[in-house]
PDB file of all heavy atoms in Angstrom:
ATOM      1  N   ASN A   1      10.545   3.714  14.950  1.00  0.00           N
ATOM      2  CA  ASN A   1      10.556   2.785  13.849  1.00  0.00           C
ATOM      3  C   ASN A   1       9.478   1.717  14.035  1.00  0.00           C
ATOM      4  O   ASN A   1       8.837   1.278  13.045  1.00  0.00           O
ATOM      5  CB  ASN A   1      11.953   1.986  13.857  1.00  0.00           C
ATOM      6  CG  ASN A   1      13.010   2.916  13.401  1.00  0.00           C
ATOM      7  OD1 ASN A   1      12.797   3.977  12.814  1.00  0.00           O
ATOM      8  ND2 ASN A   1      14.302   2.460  13.701  1.00  0.00           N
ATOM      9  N   ARG A   2       9.114   1.375  15.314  1.00  0.00           N
ATOM     10  CA  ARG A   2       8.050   0.386  15.505  1.00  0.00           C
ATOM     11  C   ARG A   2       6.722   1.001  15.277  1.00  0.00           C
ATOM     12  O   ARG A   2       5.815   0.279  14.689  1.00  0.00           O
ATOM     13  CB  ARG A   2       8.082  -0.036  16.959  1.00  0.00           C
ATOM     14  CG  ARG A   2       9.201  -0.982  17.302  1.00  0.00           C
ATOM     15  CD  ARG A   2       9.282  -1.292  18.742  1.00  0.00           C
ATOM     16  NE  ARG A   2      10.366  -2.376  19.030  1.00  0.00           N
ATOM     17  CZ  ARG A   2      10.688  -2.763  20.264  1.00  0.00           C
ATOM     18  NH1 ARG A   2      10.072  -2.291  21.364  1.00  0.00           N
ATOM     19  NH2 ARG A   2      11.609  -3.715  20.395  1.00  0.00           N
ATOM     20  N   GLU A   3       6.560   2.273  15.485  1.00  0.00           N
ATOM     21  CA  GLU A   3       5.297   2.958  15.169  1.00  0.00           C
ATOM     22  C   GLU A   3       5.087   3.044  13.628  1.00  0.00           C
ATOM     23  O   GLU A   3       3.986   2.806  13.182  1.00  0.00           O
ATOM     24  CB  GLU A   3       5.318   4.353  15.696  1.00  0.00           C
ATOM     25  CG  GLU A   3       5.176   4.328  17.259  1.00  0.00           C
ATOM     26  CD  GLU A   3       3.906   3.752  17.814  1.00  0.00           C
ATOM     27  OE1 GLU A   3       2.835   3.985  17.089  1.00  0.00           O
ATOM     28  OE2 GLU A   3       3.916   3.114  18.768  1.00  0.00           O
ATOM     29  N   ILE A   4       6.152   3.244  12.935  1.00  0.00           N
ATOM     30  CA  ILE A   4       6.072   3.323  11.483  1.00  0.00           C
ATOM     31  C   ILE A   4       5.775   1.902  10.839  1.00  0.00           C
ATOM     32  O   ILE A   4       4.930   1.768  10.040  1.00  0.00           O
ATOM     33  CB  ILE A   4       7.349   3.838  10.886  1.00  0.00           C
ATOM     34  CG1 ILE A   4       7.693   5.297  11.285  1.00  0.00           C
ATOM     35  CG2 ILE A   4       7.349   3.670   9.352  1.00  0.00           C
ATOM     36  CD1 ILE A   4       6.642   6.240  10.778  1.00  0.00           C
ATOM     37  N   LEU A   5       6.454   0.932  11.456  1.00  0.00           N
ATOM     38  CA  LEU A   5       6.199  -0.427  10.994  1.00  0.00           C
ATOM     39  C   LEU A   5       4.752  -0.952  11.254  1.00  0.00           C
ATOM     40  O   LEU A   5       4.149  -1.581  10.506  1.00  0.00           O
ATOM     41  CB  LEU A   5       7.175  -1.430  11.748  1.00  0.00           C
ATOM     42  CG  LEU A   5       7.225  -2.873  11.148  1.00  0.00           C
ATOM     43  CD1 LEU A   5       7.622  -2.823   9.687  1.00  0.00           C
ATOM     44  CD2 LEU A   5       8.273  -3.647  11.881  1.00  0.00           C
ATOM     45  N   LYS A   6       4.165  -0.453  12.406  1.00  0.00           N
ATOM     46  CA  LYS A   6       2.738  -0.767  12.700  1.00  0.00           C
ATOM     47  C   LYS A   6       1.880  -0.225  11.599  1.00  0.00           C
ATOM     48  O   LYS A   6       0.914  -0.858  11.116  1.00  0.00           O
ATOM     49  CB  LYS A   6       2.271  -0.096  14.106  1.00  0.00           C
ATOM     50  CG  LYS A   6       2.861  -0.906  15.240  1.00  0.00           C
ATOM     51  CD  LYS A   6       2.441  -0.198  16.568  1.00  0.00           C
ATOM     52  CE  LYS A   6       3.000  -0.860  17.751  1.00  0.00           C
ATOM     53  NZ  LYS A   6       2.540  -0.133  19.008  1.00  0.00           N
ATOM     54  N   ARG A   7       2.151   0.956  11.044  1.00  0.00           N
ATOM     55  CA  ARG A   7       1.271   1.577  10.039  1.00  0.00           C
ATOM     56  C   ARG A   7       1.464   0.848   8.781  1.00  0.00           C
ATOM     57  O   ARG A   7       0.445   0.621   8.038  1.00  0.00           O
ATOM     58  CB  ARG A   7       1.636   3.065   9.965  1.00  0.00           C
ATOM     59  CG  ARG A   7       1.203   3.958  11.112  1.00  0.00           C
ATOM     60  CD  ARG A   7       2.061   5.177  11.288  1.00  0.00           C
ATOM     61  NE  ARG A   7       1.561   5.979  12.310  1.00  0.00           N
ATOM     62  CZ  ARG A   7       1.681   5.893  13.658  1.00  0.00           C
ATOM     63  NH1 ARG A   7       2.267   4.804  14.081  1.00  0.00           N
ATOM     64  NH2 ARG A   7       1.214   6.757  14.501  1.00  0.00           N
ATOM     65  N   LEU A   8       2.691   0.323   8.435  1.00  0.00           N
ATOM     66  CA  LEU A   8       2.899  -0.431   7.232  1.00  0.00           C
ATOM     67  C   LEU A   8       2.198  -1.738   7.350  1.00  0.00           C
ATOM     68  O   LEU A   8       1.536  -2.174   6.370  1.00  0.00           O
ATOM     69  CB  LEU A   8       4.353  -0.614   7.021  1.00  0.00           C
ATOM     70  CG  LEU A   8       5.224   0.657   6.815  1.00  0.00           C
ATOM     71  CD1 LEU A   8       6.676   0.274   6.591  1.00  0.00           C
ATOM     72  CD2 LEU A   8       4.717   1.500   5.699  1.00  0.00           C
ATOM     73  N   ILE A   9       2.192  -2.370   8.464  1.00  0.00           N
ATOM     74  CA  ILE A   9       1.576  -3.635   8.686  1.00  0.00           C
ATOM     75  C   ILE A   9       0.042  -3.522   8.562  1.00  0.00           C
ATOM     76  O   ILE A   9      -0.589  -4.327   7.977  1.00  0.00           O
ATOM     77  CB  ILE A   9       1.908  -4.313  10.020  1.00  0.00           C
ATOM     78  CG1 ILE A   9       3.417  -4.736   9.926  1.00  0.00           C
ATOM     79  CG2 ILE A   9       0.995  -5.439  10.297  1.00  0.00           C
ATOM     80  CD1 ILE A   9       3.954  -5.228  11.349  1.00  0.00           C
ATOM     81  N   ASP A  10      -0.472  -2.413   9.151  1.00  0.00           N
ATOM     82  CA  ASP A  10      -1.902  -2.129   9.027  1.00  0.00           C
ATOM     83  C   ASP A  10      -2.413  -1.960   7.603  1.00  0.00           C
ATOM     84  O   ASP A  10      -3.490  -2.432   7.223  1.00  0.00           O
ATOM     85  CB  ASP A  10      -2.354  -0.918   9.857  1.00  0.00           C
ATOM     86  CG  ASP A  10      -2.228  -1.166  11.350  1.00  0.00           C
ATOM     87  OD1 ASP A  10      -2.215  -2.323  11.823  1.00  0.00           O
ATOM     88  OD2 ASP A  10      -2.198  -0.214  12.102  1.00  0.00           O
ATOM     89  N   ALA A  11      -1.490  -1.310   6.780  1.00  0.00           N
ATOM     90  CA  ALA A  11      -1.815  -1.115   5.335  1.00  0.00           C
ATOM     91  C   ALA A  11      -1.871  -2.414   4.613  1.00  0.00           C
ATOM     92  O   ALA A  11      -2.833  -2.717   3.884  1.00  0.00           O
ATOM     93  CB  ALA A  11      -0.874  -0.156   4.702  1.00  0.00           C
ATOM     94  N   VAL A  12      -0.921  -3.332   4.960  1.00  0.00           N
ATOM     95  CA  VAL A  12      -0.895  -4.674   4.306  1.00  0.00           C
ATOM     96  C   VAL A  12      -2.122  -5.440   4.714  1.00  0.00           C
ATOM     97  O   VAL A  12      -2.767  -6.093   3.943  1.00  0.00           O
ATOM     98  CB  VAL A  12       0.412  -5.346   4.669  1.00  0.00           C
ATOM     99  CG1 VAL A  12       0.332  -6.822   4.239  1.00  0.00           C
ATOM    100  CG2 VAL A  12       1.576  -4.634   4.068  1.00  0.00           C
ATOM    101  N   CYS A  13      -2.519  -5.443   6.096  1.00  0.00           N
ATOM    102  CA  CYS A  13      -3.615  -6.223   6.568  1.00  0.00           C
ATOM    103  C   CYS A  13      -4.916  -5.693   5.950  1.00  0.00           C
ATOM    104  O   CYS A  13      -5.801  -6.430   5.539  1.00  0.00           O
ATOM    105  CB  CYS A  13      -3.714  -6.033   8.122  1.00  0.00           C
ATOM    106  SG  CYS A  13      -2.387  -6.941   8.989  1.00  0.00           S
ATOM    107  N   TYR A  14      -5.056  -4.380   5.748  1.00  0.00           N
ATOM    108  CA  TYR A  14      -6.248  -3.767   5.161  1.00  0.00           C
ATOM    109  C   TYR A  14      -6.422  -4.284   3.774  1.00  0.00           C
ATOM    110  O   TYR A  14      -7.548  -4.686   3.322  1.00  0.00           O
ATOM    111  CB  TYR A  14      -6.228  -2.282   5.233  1.00  0.00           C
ATOM    112  CG  TYR A  14      -7.361  -1.593   4.507  1.00  0.00           C
ATOM    113  CD1 TYR A  14      -8.592  -1.532   5.085  1.00  0.00           C
ATOM    114  CD2 TYR A  14      -7.103  -1.065   3.254  1.00  0.00           C
ATOM    115  CE1 TYR A  14      -9.649  -0.947   4.400  1.00  0.00           C
ATOM    116  CE2 TYR A  14      -8.171  -0.414   2.568  1.00  0.00           C
ATOM    117  CZ  TYR A  14      -9.451  -0.425   3.141  1.00  0.00           C
ATOM    118  OH  TYR A  14     -10.447   0.214   2.427  1.00  0.00           O
ATOM    119  N   LEU A  15      -5.387  -4.169   2.944  1.00  0.00           N
ATOM    120  CA  LEU A  15      -5.512  -4.562   1.574  1.00  0.00           C
ATOM    121  C   LEU A  15      -5.754  -5.980   1.393  1.00  0.00           C
ATOM    122  O   LEU A  15      -6.449  -6.420   0.481  1.00  0.00           O
ATOM    123  CB  LEU A  15      -4.285  -4.149   0.735  1.00  0.00           C
ATOM    124  CG  LEU A  15      -3.932  -2.599   0.659  1.00  0.00           C
ATOM    125  CD1 LEU A  15      -2.643  -2.340   0.061  1.00  0.00           C
ATOM    126  CD2 LEU A  15      -5.077  -1.972  -0.029  1.00  0.00           C
ATOM    127  N   ALA A  16      -5.124  -6.785   2.275  1.00  0.00           N
ATOM    128  CA  ALA A  16      -5.251  -8.227   2.216  1.00  0.00           C
ATOM    129  C   ALA A  16      -6.721  -8.637   2.584  1.00  0.00           C
ATOM    130  O   ALA A  16      -7.367  -9.495   1.924  1.00  0.00           O
ATOM    131  CB  ALA A  16      -4.318  -8.980   3.142  1.00  0.00           C
ATOM    132  N   LYS A  17      -7.256  -7.977   3.568  1.00  0.00           N
ATOM    133  CA  LYS A  17      -8.593  -8.267   4.083  1.00  0.00           C
ATOM    134  C   LYS A  17      -9.676  -7.817   3.003  1.00  0.00           C
ATOM    135  O   LYS A  17     -10.595  -8.665   2.749  1.00  0.00           O
ATOM    136  CB  LYS A  17      -8.864  -7.531   5.346  1.00  0.00           C
ATOM    137  CG  LYS A  17     -10.276  -7.717   5.933  1.00  0.00           C
ATOM    138  CD  LYS A  17     -10.425  -6.894   7.242  1.00  0.00           C
ATOM    139  CE  LYS A  17     -11.860  -7.209   7.771  1.00  0.00           C
ATOM    140  NZ  LYS A  17     -12.077  -6.366   9.008  1.00  0.00           N
ATOM    141  N   GLN A  18      -9.409  -6.846   2.285  1.00  0.00           N
ATOM    142  CA  GLN A  18     -10.303  -6.350   1.198  1.00  0.00           C
ATOM    143  C   GLN A  18     -10.027  -6.966  -0.116  1.00  0.00           C
ATOM    144  O   GLN A  18     -10.721  -6.725  -1.091  1.00  0.00           O
ATOM    145  CB  GLN A  18     -10.227  -4.816   1.136  1.00  0.00           C
ATOM    146  CG  GLN A  18     -10.580  -3.989   2.282  1.00  0.00           C
ATOM    147  CD  GLN A  18     -11.976  -4.258   2.812  1.00  0.00           C
ATOM    148  OE1 GLN A  18     -12.215  -4.824   3.881  1.00  0.00           O
ATOM    149  NE2 GLN A  18     -12.946  -4.014   1.928  1.00  0.00           N
ATOM    150  N   GLU A  19      -9.042  -7.828  -0.160  1.00  0.00           N
ATOM    151  CA  GLU A  19      -8.635  -8.600  -1.331  1.00  0.00           C
ATOM    152  C   GLU A  19      -8.415  -7.645  -2.482  1.00  0.00           C
ATOM    153  O   GLU A  19      -8.764  -7.867  -3.689  1.00  0.00           O
ATOM    154  CB  GLU A  19      -9.725  -9.618  -1.677  1.00  0.00           C
ATOM    155  CG  GLU A  19     -10.001 -10.706  -0.757  1.00  0.00           C
ATOM    156  CD  GLU A  19     -11.066 -11.655  -1.070  1.00  0.00           C
ATOM    157  OE1 GLU A  19     -11.574 -11.514  -2.241  1.00  0.00           O
ATOM    158  OE2 GLU A  19     -11.408 -12.568  -0.332  1.00  0.00           O
ATOM    159  N   LEU A  20      -7.539  -6.645  -2.227  1.00  0.00           N
ATOM    160  CA  LEU A  20      -7.260  -5.568  -3.205  1.00  0.00           C
ATOM    161  C   LEU A  20      -5.729  -5.829  -3.614  1.00  0.00           C
ATOM    162  O   LEU A  20      -4.886  -6.251  -2.812  1.00  0.00           O
ATOM    163  CB  LEU A  20      -7.380  -4.173  -2.615  1.00  0.00           C
ATOM    164  CG  LEU A  20      -8.762  -3.770  -2.197  1.00  0.00           C
ATOM    165  CD1 LEU A  20      -8.819  -2.462  -1.530  1.00  0.00           C
ATOM    166  CD2 LEU A  20      -9.711  -3.732  -3.431  1.00  0.00           C
ATOM    167  N   PRO A  21      -5.446  -5.537  -4.941  1.00  0.00           N
ATOM    168  CA  PRO A  21      -4.044  -5.590  -5.385  1.00  0.00           C
ATOM    169  C   PRO A  21      -3.246  -4.494  -4.688  1.00  0.00           C
ATOM    170  O   PRO A  21      -3.709  -3.454  -4.434  1.00  0.00           O
ATOM    171  CB  PRO A  21      -4.131  -5.450  -6.860  1.00  0.00           C
ATOM    172  CG  PRO A  21      -5.368  -4.644  -7.038  1.00  0.00           C
ATOM    173  CD  PRO A  21      -6.335  -5.110  -5.985  1.00  0.00           C
ATOM    174  N   PHE A  22      -1.919  -4.839  -4.527  1.00  0.00           N
ATOM    175  CA  PHE A  22      -1.037  -3.926  -3.798  1.00  0.00           C
ATOM    176  C   PHE A  22      -0.432  -2.861  -4.778  1.00  0.00           C
ATOM    177  O   PHE A  22      -0.336  -1.706  -4.418  1.00  0.00           O
ATOM    178  CB  PHE A  22       0.112  -4.709  -3.055  1.00  0.00           C
ATOM    179  CG  PHE A  22      -0.277  -5.274  -1.742  1.00  0.00           C
ATOM    180  CD1 PHE A  22      -1.278  -6.211  -1.706  1.00  0.00           C
ATOM    181  CD2 PHE A  22       0.298  -4.837  -0.616  1.00  0.00           C
ATOM    182  CE1 PHE A  22      -1.689  -6.797  -0.463  1.00  0.00           C
ATOM    183  CE2 PHE A  22      -0.068  -5.408   0.562  1.00  0.00           C
ATOM    184  CZ  PHE A  22      -1.084  -6.282   0.641  1.00  0.00           C
ATOM    185  N   ARG A  23       0.107  -3.364  -5.834  1.00  0.00           N
ATOM    186  CA  ARG A  23       0.914  -2.382  -6.807  1.00  0.00           C
ATOM    187  C   ARG A  23       0.123  -2.058  -8.009  1.00  0.00           C
ATOM    188  O   ARG A  23      -0.727  -2.810  -8.509  1.00  0.00           O
ATOM    189  CB  ARG A  23       2.207  -3.131  -7.102  1.00  0.00           C
ATOM    190  CG  ARG A  23       3.083  -3.307  -5.825  1.00  0.00           C
ATOM    191  CD  ARG A  23       4.460  -3.668  -6.180  1.00  0.00           C
ATOM    192  NE  ARG A  23       4.592  -5.150  -6.434  1.00  0.00           N
ATOM    193  CZ  ARG A  23       4.750  -6.096  -5.503  1.00  0.00           C
ATOM    194  NH1 ARG A  23       4.746  -5.692  -4.271  1.00  0.00           N
ATOM    195  NH2 ARG A  23       4.809  -7.337  -5.930  1.00  0.00           N
ATOM    196  N   GLY A  24       0.529  -0.903  -8.609  1.00  0.00           N
ATOM    197  CA  GLY A  24      -0.048  -0.446  -9.863  1.00  0.00           C
ATOM    198  C   GLY A  24       0.930  -0.643 -10.949  1.00  0.00           C
ATOM    199  O   GLY A  24       2.114  -0.973 -10.776  1.00  0.00           O
ATOM    200  N   HIS A  25       0.517  -0.245 -12.119  1.00  0.00           N
ATOM    201  CA  HIS A  25       1.480  -0.342 -13.261  1.00  0.00           C
ATOM    202  C   HIS A  25       2.515   0.764 -13.347  1.00  0.00           C
ATOM    203  O   HIS A  25       3.640   0.483 -13.858  1.00  0.00           O
ATOM    204  CB  HIS A  25       0.699  -0.299 -14.516  1.00  0.00           C
ATOM    205  CG  HIS A  25      -0.361  -1.454 -14.713  1.00  0.00           C
ATOM    206  ND1 HIS A  25      -0.007  -2.732 -15.030  1.00  0.00           N
ATOM    207  CD2 HIS A  25      -1.684  -1.391 -14.716  1.00  0.00           C
ATOM    208  CE1 HIS A  25      -0.940  -3.488 -15.052  1.00  0.00           C
ATOM    209  NE2 HIS A  25      -2.131  -2.764 -14.874  1.00  0.00           N
ATOM    210  N   ASP A  26       2.180   1.868 -12.701  1.00  0.00           N
ATOM    211  CA  ASP A  26       3.176   2.955 -12.756  1.00  0.00           C
ATOM    212  C   ASP A  26       3.177   3.541 -11.256  1.00  0.00           C
ATOM    213  O   ASP A  26       2.145   4.278 -10.890  1.00  0.00           O
ATOM    214  CB  ASP A  26       2.795   4.081 -13.729  1.00  0.00           C
ATOM    215  CG  ASP A  26       3.740   5.210 -13.788  1.00  0.00           C
ATOM    216  OD1 ASP A  26       4.839   5.126 -13.095  1.00  0.00           O
ATOM    217  OD2 ASP A  26       3.513   6.251 -14.489  1.00  0.00           O
ATOM    218  N   GLU A  27       4.219   3.313 -10.584  1.00  0.00           N
ATOM    219  CA  GLU A  27       4.320   3.812  -9.123  1.00  0.00           C
ATOM    220  C   GLU A  27       5.274   4.972  -9.046  1.00  0.00           C
ATOM    221  O   GLU A  27       5.729   5.328  -7.959  1.00  0.00           O
ATOM    222  CB  GLU A  27       4.823   2.707  -8.229  1.00  0.00           C
ATOM    223  CG  GLU A  27       3.802   1.545  -8.213  1.00  0.00           C
ATOM    224  CD  GLU A  27       4.163   0.528  -7.108  1.00  0.00           C
ATOM    225  OE1 GLU A  27       5.256   0.684  -6.503  1.00  0.00           O
ATOM    226  OE2 GLU A  27       3.388  -0.417  -6.902  1.00  0.00           O
ATOM    227  N   SER A  28       5.560   5.674 -10.109  1.00  0.00           N
ATOM    228  CA  SER A  28       6.491   6.844 -10.077  1.00  0.00           C
ATOM    229  C   SER A  28       5.808   8.011  -9.410  1.00  0.00           C
ATOM    230  O   SER A  28       4.602   8.062  -9.237  1.00  0.00           O
ATOM    231  CB  SER A  28       6.920   7.238 -11.481  1.00  0.00           C
ATOM    232  OG  SER A  28       5.825   7.619 -12.230  1.00  0.00           O
ATOM    233  N   ASN A  29       6.616   9.078  -9.038  1.00  0.00           N
ATOM    234  CA  ASN A  29       6.068  10.217  -8.324  1.00  0.00           C
ATOM    235  C   ASN A  29       5.043  10.946  -9.142  1.00  0.00           C
ATOM    236  O   ASN A  29       4.136  11.653  -8.634  1.00  0.00           O
ATOM    237  CB  ASN A  29       7.192  11.127  -7.828  1.00  0.00           C
ATOM    238  CG  ASN A  29       8.034  10.445  -6.847  1.00  0.00           C
ATOM    239  OD1 ASN A  29       7.617   9.576  -6.021  1.00  0.00           O
ATOM    240  ND2 ASN A  29       9.310  10.790  -6.792  1.00  0.00           N
ATOM    241  N   THR A  30       5.190  10.878 -10.473  1.00  0.00           N
ATOM    242  CA  THR A  30       4.301  11.597 -11.350  1.00  0.00           C
ATOM    243  C   THR A  30       3.068  10.935 -11.689  1.00  0.00           C
ATOM    244  O   THR A  30       2.126  11.407 -12.405  1.00  0.00           O
ATOM    245  CB  THR A  30       4.996  11.965 -12.643  1.00  0.00           C
ATOM    246  OG1 THR A  30       5.496  10.816 -13.311  1.00  0.00           O
ATOM    247  CG2 THR A  30       6.221  12.921 -12.364  1.00  0.00           C
ATOM    248  N   SER A  31       2.998   9.575 -11.327  1.00  0.00           N
ATOM    249  CA  SER A  31       1.798   8.782 -11.594  1.00  0.00           C
ATOM    250  C   SER A  31       0.468   9.255 -10.852  1.00  0.00           C
ATOM    251  O   SER A  31       0.630   9.562  -9.652  1.00  0.00           O
ATOM    252  CB  SER A  31       2.020   7.308 -11.329  1.00  0.00           C
ATOM    253  OG  SER A  31       0.905   6.528 -11.555  1.00  0.00           O
ATOM    254  N   ALA A  32      -0.631   9.175 -11.469  1.00  0.00           N
ATOM    255  CA  ALA A  32      -1.899   9.532 -10.854  1.00  0.00           C
ATOM    256  C   ALA A  32      -2.360   8.345 -10.015  1.00  0.00           C
ATOM    257  O   ALA A  32      -3.184   8.559  -9.095  1.00  0.00           O
ATOM    258  CB  ALA A  32      -2.961   9.914 -11.878  1.00  0.00           C
ATOM    259  N   ASP A  33      -1.963   7.187 -10.309  1.00  0.00           N
ATOM    260  CA  ASP A  33      -2.338   5.986  -9.542  1.00  0.00           C
ATOM    261  C   ASP A  33      -1.065   5.130  -9.306  1.00  0.00           C
ATOM    262  O   ASP A  33      -0.616   4.421 -10.141  1.00  0.00           O
ATOM    263  CB  ASP A  33      -3.358   5.197 -10.264  1.00  0.00           C
ATOM    264  CG  ASP A  33      -3.927   3.951  -9.516  1.00  0.00           C
ATOM    265  OD1 ASP A  33      -3.448   3.830  -8.377  1.00  0.00           O
ATOM    266  OD2 ASP A  33      -4.646   3.166 -10.064  1.00  0.00           O
ATOM    267  N   LYS A  34      -0.604   5.266  -8.061  1.00  0.00           N
ATOM    268  CA  LYS A  34       0.651   4.586  -7.661  1.00  0.00           C
ATOM    269  C   LYS A  34       0.397   3.181  -7.111  1.00  0.00           C
ATOM    270  O   LYS A  34       1.307   2.504  -6.618  1.00  0.00           O
ATOM    271  CB  LYS A  34       1.456   5.399  -6.619  1.00  0.00           C
ATOM    272  CG  LYS A  34       1.853   6.734  -7.130  1.00  0.00           C
ATOM    273  CD  LYS A  34       2.557   7.579  -5.999  1.00  0.00           C
ATOM    274  CE  LYS A  34       3.008   8.954  -6.457  1.00  0.00           C
ATOM    275  NZ  LYS A  34       1.726   9.758  -6.747  1.00  0.00           N
ATOM    276  N   GLY A  35      -0.814   2.674  -7.166  1.00  0.00           N
ATOM    277  CA  GLY A  35      -1.145   1.388  -6.606  1.00  0.00           C
ATOM    278  C   GLY A  35      -1.810   1.607  -5.254  1.00  0.00           C
ATOM    279  O   GLY A  35      -1.602   2.628  -4.569  1.00  0.00           O
ATOM    280  N   ASN A  36      -2.577   0.671  -4.764  1.00  0.00           N
ATOM    281  CA  ASN A  36      -3.317   0.698  -3.588  1.00  0.00           C
ATOM    282  C   ASN A  36      -2.422   0.897  -2.397  1.00  0.00           C
ATOM    283  O   ASN A  36      -2.818   1.656  -1.402  1.00  0.00           O
ATOM    284  CB  ASN A  36      -4.202  -0.548  -3.437  1.00  0.00           C
ATOM    285  CG  ASN A  36      -5.394  -0.506  -4.396  1.00  0.00           C
ATOM    286  OD1 ASN A  36      -5.873   0.553  -4.860  1.00  0.00           O
ATOM    287  ND2 ASN A  36      -5.699  -1.716  -4.916  1.00  0.00           N
TER     288      ASN A  36
END
């Protein structure tokens, strides 16, 4: 669980550092763009 949480935290840190939005308009499984 800690290893998984590290990867989630790294994803958050990367998007925050690059000043990118987190979520998209459509995050369903069929969406072509589920958000960054």
